[in-house]
C-alpha cells in the first residue's frame, strides 16, 4: 500500500480552546482519554491508530479520527473536556486529511460531532 493509499479517506477533529482554559490541563485530559481508550482497544492499537498533535500557542488539539480507535479517543476527549471545562469553552471542527504538523493549520470549518 502506498502512502497516498493510506491517507485516502482520512479526517481529523480540530478542537480550539478559549482563554482561560489551561492548555496544560487540556493536554493532561487528552492523555487521560488516550489511556482510557487504551484500556478498551489495547495499548498497541492506540499507539498505531490514534494520532494527535497539540499546538499550545494556538490553543489547538488535532486528533486523527480516520480509525475506530482515533474516533474513540476523540469522543472520550470531547466528553472529558465538556465535563471538565464546559461545553462553551472549546469548538470542534472536522477537516479532511492527515494530522498536520502544525495543528493550527487544520481546516477551521464547524462540524457536528454527535458528542
Foldseek 3Di string as FASTA:
>chain_A
DDPVVVWPQKKKKKKAFAPPPDLVVLVVLLVVLLVVLCVVPNPVCSVVPWDKDADVVRRMIMITPSDPSRLSSVVSSLVVCCVPPNPVGMFMQMAGTDCDPHNVPGDDHGDDSVD
